[in-house]
Amino acid sequence: MRPNPRLPFALAAVLLTVTAARADPPKAAVFDFQLADQGAAGPTEADRARLGPLSEQLRSLLAESGRYRIVSTDPVKAEVSKGADLRRCNGCAEDYARKLGADVAITGEIQKVSNLILNVNVYVKDLRGNKPEQGYSVDIRGDNDTSFDRGLKYLVKNKLPPPQER
């Protein structure tokens, strides 16, 4: 049996295709976390102070996971801060993400049920097709940095689908 002389070239083409697909994840605009309506009590300064570091941690975890290439949201930050809540603005997060050249818009919110029970919610909208937005959530216990850190790591590792499922 004679070896097929085209086989090495075919294998190289397959490997290059797989490598190229893995090397080029979609660009994602990951917007800062916002606070869900917390009723009459409203958010505390500690609640507000946690949003920035939590947002940076999400960007870092997503980039490290290989799921996305993170694009900076700085060019639209002032516009976002003047507008409505990203979860209730009729798709403005998608518009901002498109303006930034992103393929995916990612928003997040913290829902505080009580000082003991909180939810970290992340919403992913793929802008490359007519796909519905996907929501992912994790409940945490304890209004402290350790609970948020562990909850966000768990959400990214165990709830969000791996890159090839997108």
C-alpha atoms as a PDB file:
ATOM      1  CA  MET A   1       0.000   0.000   0.000  1.00  0.00           C
ATOM      2  CA  ARG A   2       1.400   3.318  -1.097  1.00  0.00           C
ATOM      3  CA  PRO A   3       1.089   6.369   1.201  1.00  0.00           C
ATOM      4  CA  ASN A   4      -1.056   9.179  -0.146  1.00  0.00           C
ATOM      5  CA  PRO A   5       1.250  12.124  -1.008  1.00  0.00           C
ATOM      6  CA  ARG A   6      -1.574  14.607  -0.309  1.00  0.00           C
ATOM      7  CA  LEU A   7      -2.130  13.402   3.241  1.00  0.00           C
ATOM      8  CA  PRO A   8       0.482  15.672   4.917  1.00  0.00           C
ATOM      9  CA  PHE A   9      -0.972  18.711   3.148  1.00  0.00           C
ATOM     10  CA  ALA A  10      -4.524  17.796   4.130  1.00  0.00           C
ATOM     11  CA  LEU A  11      -3.506  17.337   7.758  1.00  0.00           C
ATOM     12  CA  ALA A  12      -1.652  20.657   7.752  1.00  0.00           C
ATOM     13  CA  ALA A  13      -4.723  22.428   6.336  1.00  0.00           C
ATOM     14  CA  VAL A  14      -6.965  20.951   9.035  1.00  0.00           C
ATOM     15  CA  LEU A  15      -4.525  21.930  11.789  1.00  0.00           C
ATOM     16  CA  LEU A  16      -4.226  25.478  10.439  1.00  0.00           C
ATOM     17  CA  THR A  17      -8.004  25.819  10.292  1.00  0.00           C
ATOM     18  CA  VAL A  18      -8.430  24.604  13.866  1.00  0.00           C
ATOM     19  CA  THR A  19      -5.599  26.837  15.088  1.00  0.00           C
ATOM     20  CA  ALA A  20      -6.993  29.882  13.284  1.00  0.00           C
ATOM     21  CA  ALA A  21     -10.459  29.290  14.712  1.00  0.00           C
ATOM     22  CA  ARG A  22      -9.093  28.988  18.241  1.00  0.00           C
ATOM     23  CA  ALA A  23      -6.774  31.982  17.849  1.00  0.00           C
ATOM     24  CA  ASP A  24      -9.517  34.370  16.868  1.00  0.00           C
ATOM     25  CA  PRO A  25     -12.287  34.465  19.490  1.00  0.00           C
ATOM     26  CA  PRO A  26     -15.082  37.012  19.088  1.00  0.00           C
ATOM     27  CA  LYS A  27     -14.530  40.571  20.279  1.00  0.00           C
ATOM     28  CA  ALA A  28     -16.612  41.373  23.348  1.00  0.00           C
ATOM     29  CA  ALA A  29     -17.598  44.683  24.895  1.00  0.00           C
ATOM     30  CA  VAL A  30     -17.916  43.883  28.595  1.00  0.00           C
ATOM     31  CA  PHE A  31     -19.760  46.754  30.233  1.00  0.00           C
ATOM     32  CA  ASP A  32     -19.439  47.643  33.894  1.00  0.00           C
ATOM     33  CA  PHE A  33     -21.732  45.849  36.294  1.00  0.00           C
ATOM     34  CA  GLN A  34     -24.772  47.808  37.375  1.00  0.00           C
ATOM     35  CA  LEU A  35     -27.052  47.451  40.359  1.00  0.00           C
ATOM     36  CA  ALA A  36     -30.531  46.049  39.878  1.00  0.00           C
ATOM     37  CA  ASP A  37     -33.381  47.939  41.524  1.00  0.00           C
ATOM     38  CA  GLN A  38     -32.878  47.467  45.221  1.00  0.00           C
ATOM     39  CA  GLY A  39     -36.155  48.930  46.412  1.00  0.00           C
ATOM     40  CA  ALA A  40     -36.594  51.700  48.941  1.00  0.00           C
ATOM     41  CA  ALA A  41     -33.325  51.003  50.786  1.00  0.00           C
ATOM     42  CA  GLY A  42     -31.261  51.720  47.682  1.00  0.00           C
ATOM     43  CA  PRO A  43     -27.604  50.820  47.185  1.00  0.00           C
ATOM     44  CA  THR A  44     -24.924  51.617  49.733  1.00  0.00           C
ATOM     45  CA  GLU A  45     -21.552  53.174  48.954  1.00  0.00           C
ATOM     46  CA  ALA A  46     -20.013  49.721  49.506  1.00  0.00           C
ATOM     47  CA  ASP A  47     -22.384  48.310  46.857  1.00  0.00           C
ATOM     48  CA  ARG A  48     -21.328  50.985  44.358  1.00  0.00           C
ATOM     49  CA  ALA A  49     -17.634  50.608  45.193  1.00  0.00           C
ATOM     50  CA  ARG A  50     -17.701  46.905  44.408  1.00  0.00           C
ATOM     51  CA  LEU A  51     -18.943  47.362  40.815  1.00  0.00           C
ATOM     52  CA  GLY A  52     -15.676  48.575  39.249  1.00  0.00           C
ATOM     53  CA  PRO A  53     -13.409  45.821  40.606  1.00  0.00           C
ATOM     54  CA  LEU A  54     -16.043  43.179  39.835  1.00  0.00           C
ATOM     55  CA  SER A  55     -16.308  44.444  36.245  1.00  0.00           C
ATOM     56  CA  GLU A  56     -12.533  44.294  35.805  1.00  0.00           C
ATOM     57  CA  GLN A  57     -12.470  40.798  37.259  1.00  0.00           C
ATOM     58  CA  LEU A  58     -15.122  39.641  34.762  1.00  0.00           C
ATOM     59  CA  ARG A  59     -13.142  41.088  31.853  1.00  0.00           C
ATOM     60  CA  SER A  60      -9.993  39.394  33.090  1.00  0.00           C
ATOM     61  CA  LEU A  61     -11.657  36.012  33.652  1.00  0.00           C
ATOM     62  CA  LEU A  62     -13.286  36.070  30.210  1.00  0.00           C
ATOM     63  CA  ALA A  63     -10.043  37.021  28.478  1.00  0.00           C
ATOM     64  CA  GLU A  64      -8.080  34.338  30.368  1.00  0.00           C
ATOM     65  CA  SER A  65     -10.694  31.726  29.459  1.00  0.00           C
ATOM     66  CA  GLY A  66     -10.071  32.316  25.757  1.00  0.00           C
ATOM     67  CA  ARG A  67     -13.757  32.896  25.103  1.00  0.00           C
ATOM     68  CA  TYR A  68     -13.372  36.501  23.952  1.00  0.00           C
ATOM     69  CA  ARG A  69     -11.005  39.256  22.986  1.00  0.00           C
ATOM     70  CA  ILE A  70     -12.079  42.106  25.240  1.00  0.00           C
ATOM     71  CA  VAL A  71     -12.495  45.542  23.650  1.00  0.00           C
ATOM     72  CA  SER A  72     -12.301  48.661  25.767  1.00  0.00           C
ATOM     73  CA  THR A  73     -15.600  50.281  26.679  1.00  0.00           C
ATOM     74  CA  ASP A  74     -13.837  53.541  27.614  1.00  0.00           C
ATOM     75  CA  PRO A  75     -14.883  55.374  24.403  1.00  0.00           C
ATOM     76  CA  VAL A  76     -18.577  55.054  25.380  1.00  0.00           C
ATOM     77  CA  LYS A  77     -18.247  55.143  29.184  1.00  0.00           C
ATOM     78  CA  ALA A  78     -19.465  58.745  29.545  1.00  0.00           C
ATOM     79  CA  GLU A  79     -22.403  58.086  27.217  1.00  0.00           C
ATOM     80  CA  VAL A  80     -23.338  54.920  29.119  1.00  0.00           C
ATOM     81  CA  SER A  81     -23.216  56.711  32.477  1.00  0.00           C
ATOM     82  CA  LYS A  82     -25.625  59.415  31.243  1.00  0.00           C
ATOM     83  CA  GLY A  83     -28.115  56.934  29.798  1.00  0.00           C
ATOM     84  CA  ALA A  84     -30.593  54.480  31.179  1.00  0.00           C
ATOM     85  CA  ASP A  85     -29.712  51.242  32.938  1.00  0.00           C
ATOM     86  CA  LEU A  86     -28.216  48.904  30.312  1.00  0.00           C
ATOM     87  CA  ARG A  87     -30.729  46.193  31.175  1.00  0.00           C
ATOM     88  CA  ARG A  88     -33.707  48.482  30.553  1.00  0.00           C
ATOM     89  CA  CYS A  89     -32.690  50.670  27.635  1.00  0.00           C
ATOM     90  CA  ASN A  90     -34.132  48.824  24.630  1.00  0.00           C
ATOM     91  CA  GLY A  91     -30.868  47.425  23.289  1.00  0.00           C
ATOM     92  CA  CYS A  92     -28.574  50.389  23.915  1.00  0.00           C
ATOM     93  CA  ALA A  93     -25.804  48.026  25.115  1.00  0.00           C
ATOM     94  CA  GLU A  94     -25.927  46.355  21.706  1.00  0.00           C
ATOM     95  CA  ASP A  95     -25.661  49.750  20.003  1.00  0.00           C
ATOM     96  CA  TYR A  96     -22.692  50.726  22.175  1.00  0.00           C
ATOM     97  CA  ALA A  97     -20.997  47.389  21.477  1.00  0.00           C
ATOM     98  CA  ARG A  98     -21.458  47.807  17.718  1.00  0.00           C
ATOM     99  CA  LYS A  99     -20.013  51.311  17.967  1.00  0.00           C
ATOM    100  CA  LEU A 100     -16.932  49.743  19.613  1.00  0.00           C
ATOM    101  CA  GLY A 101     -16.600  47.127  16.847  1.00  0.00           C
ATOM    102  CA  ALA A 102     -17.526  44.236  19.136  1.00  0.00           C
ATOM    103  CA  ASP A 103     -19.157  40.978  18.101  1.00  0.00           C
ATOM    104  CA  VAL A 104     -20.717  40.419  21.515  1.00  0.00           C
ATOM    105  CA  ALA A 105     -22.257  42.699  24.148  1.00  0.00           C
ATOM    106  CA  ILE A 106     -21.903  41.556  27.756  1.00  0.00           C
ATOM    107  CA  THR A 107     -23.714  43.281  30.592  1.00  0.00           C
ATOM    108  CA  GLY A 108     -24.032  42.385  34.214  1.00  0.00           C
ATOM    109  CA  GLU A 109     -26.001  43.363  37.239  1.00  0.00           C
ATOM    110  CA  ILE A 110     -25.961  42.681  40.924  1.00  0.00           C
ATOM    111  CA  GLN A 111     -29.283  41.955  42.534  1.00  0.00           C
ATOM    112  CA  LYS A 112     -29.325  42.380  46.278  1.00  0.00           C
ATOM    113  CA  VAL A 113     -32.165  40.457  47.865  1.00  0.00           C
ATOM    114  CA  SER A 114     -30.777  41.081  51.359  1.00  0.00           C
ATOM    115  CA  ASN A 115     -27.395  41.476  53.035  1.00  0.00           C
ATOM    116  CA  LEU A 116     -27.146  37.698  52.987  1.00  0.00           C
ATOM    117  CA  ILE A 117     -28.625  36.750  49.595  1.00  0.00           C
ATOM    118  CA  LEU A 118     -27.342  38.290  46.363  1.00  0.00           C
ATOM    119  CA  ASN A 119     -27.332  37.351  42.679  1.00  0.00           C
ATOM    120  CA  VAL A 120     -24.615  37.996  40.125  1.00  0.00           C
ATOM    121  CA  ASN A 121     -26.241  38.083  36.688  1.00  0.00           C
ATOM    122  CA  VAL A 122     -24.368  38.200  33.359  1.00  0.00           C
ATOM    123  CA  TYR A 123     -26.104  38.650  30.000  1.00  0.00           C
ATOM    124  CA  VAL A 124     -24.449  37.786  26.683  1.00  0.00           C
ATOM    125  CA  LYS A 125     -25.812  39.019  23.353  1.00  0.00           C
ATOM    126  CA  ASP A 126     -24.080  37.748  20.210  1.00  0.00           C
ATOM    127  CA  LEU A 127     -24.437  40.536  17.631  1.00  0.00           C
ATOM    128  CA  ARG A 128     -23.365  38.430  14.650  1.00  0.00           C
ATOM    129  CA  GLY A 129     -26.737  36.883  14.024  1.00  0.00           C
ATOM    130  CA  ASN A 130     -30.308  36.869  15.133  1.00  0.00           C
ATOM    131  CA  LYS A 131     -29.603  34.936  18.320  1.00  0.00           C
ATOM    132  CA  PRO A 132     -31.467  35.648  21.555  1.00  0.00           C
ATOM    133  CA  GLU A 133     -29.624  37.086  24.515  1.00  0.00           C
ATOM    134  CA  GLN A 134     -28.439  34.473  27.011  1.00  0.00           C
ATOM    135  CA  GLY A 135     -28.551  35.062  30.756  1.00  0.00           C
ATOM    136  CA  TYR A 136     -26.365  33.395  33.358  1.00  0.00           C
ATOM    137  CA  SER A 137     -26.711  33.740  37.101  1.00  0.00           C
ATOM    138  CA  VAL A 138     -25.167  32.610  40.336  1.00  0.00           C
ATOM    139  CA  ASP A 139     -26.544  33.116  43.831  1.00  0.00           C
ATOM    140  CA  ILE A 140     -24.076  34.071  46.509  1.00  0.00           C
ATOM    141  CA  ARG A 141     -24.356  34.225  50.265  1.00  0.00           C
ATOM    142  CA  GLY A 142     -22.739  37.122  52.047  1.00  0.00           C
ATOM    143  CA  ASP A 143     -22.333  40.735  50.996  1.00  0.00           C
ATOM    144  CA  ASN A 144     -18.537  40.700  50.961  1.00  0.00           C
ATOM    145  CA  ASP A 145     -15.690  40.675  48.464  1.00  0.00           C
ATOM    146  CA  THR A 146     -14.864  36.993  49.023  1.00  0.00           C
ATOM    147  CA  SER A 147     -18.412  35.899  48.145  1.00  0.00           C
ATOM    148  CA  PHE A 148     -18.440  38.010  44.986  1.00  0.00           C
ATOM    149  CA  ASP A 149     -14.991  36.771  43.950  1.00  0.00           C
ATOM    150  CA  ARG A 150     -15.942  33.117  44.368  1.00  0.00           C
ATOM    151  CA  GLY A 151     -19.360  33.602  42.776  1.00  0.00           C
ATOM    152  CA  LEU A 152     -18.002  35.320  39.676  1.00  0.00           C
ATOM    153  CA  LYS A 153     -15.262  32.721  39.206  1.00  0.00           C
ATOM    154  CA  TYR A 154     -17.849  29.945  39.525  1.00  0.00           C
ATOM    155  CA  LEU A 155     -20.161  31.630  37.012  1.00  0.00           C
ATOM    156  CA  VAL A 156     -17.449  32.060  34.371  1.00  0.00           C
ATOM    157  CA  LYS A 157     -16.015  28.575  34.860  1.00  0.00           C
ATOM    158  CA  ASN A 158     -19.230  26.558  35.219  1.00  0.00           C
ATOM    159  CA  LYS A 159     -22.146  28.477  33.754  1.00  0.00           C
ATOM    160  CA  LEU A 160     -20.911  30.205  30.607  1.00  0.00           C
ATOM    161  CA  PRO A 161     -20.565  27.895  27.617  1.00  0.00           C
ATOM    162  CA  PRO A 162     -17.071  27.218  26.272  1.00  0.00           C
ATOM    163  CA  PRO A 163     -16.037  29.170  23.155  1.00  0.00           C
ATOM    164  CA  GLN A 164     -16.880  26.443  20.622  1.00  0.00           C
ATOM    165  CA  GLU A 165     -20.563  26.460  21.695  1.00  0.00           C
ATOM    166  CA  ARG A 166     -21.056  30.095  20.699  1.00  0.00           C
END
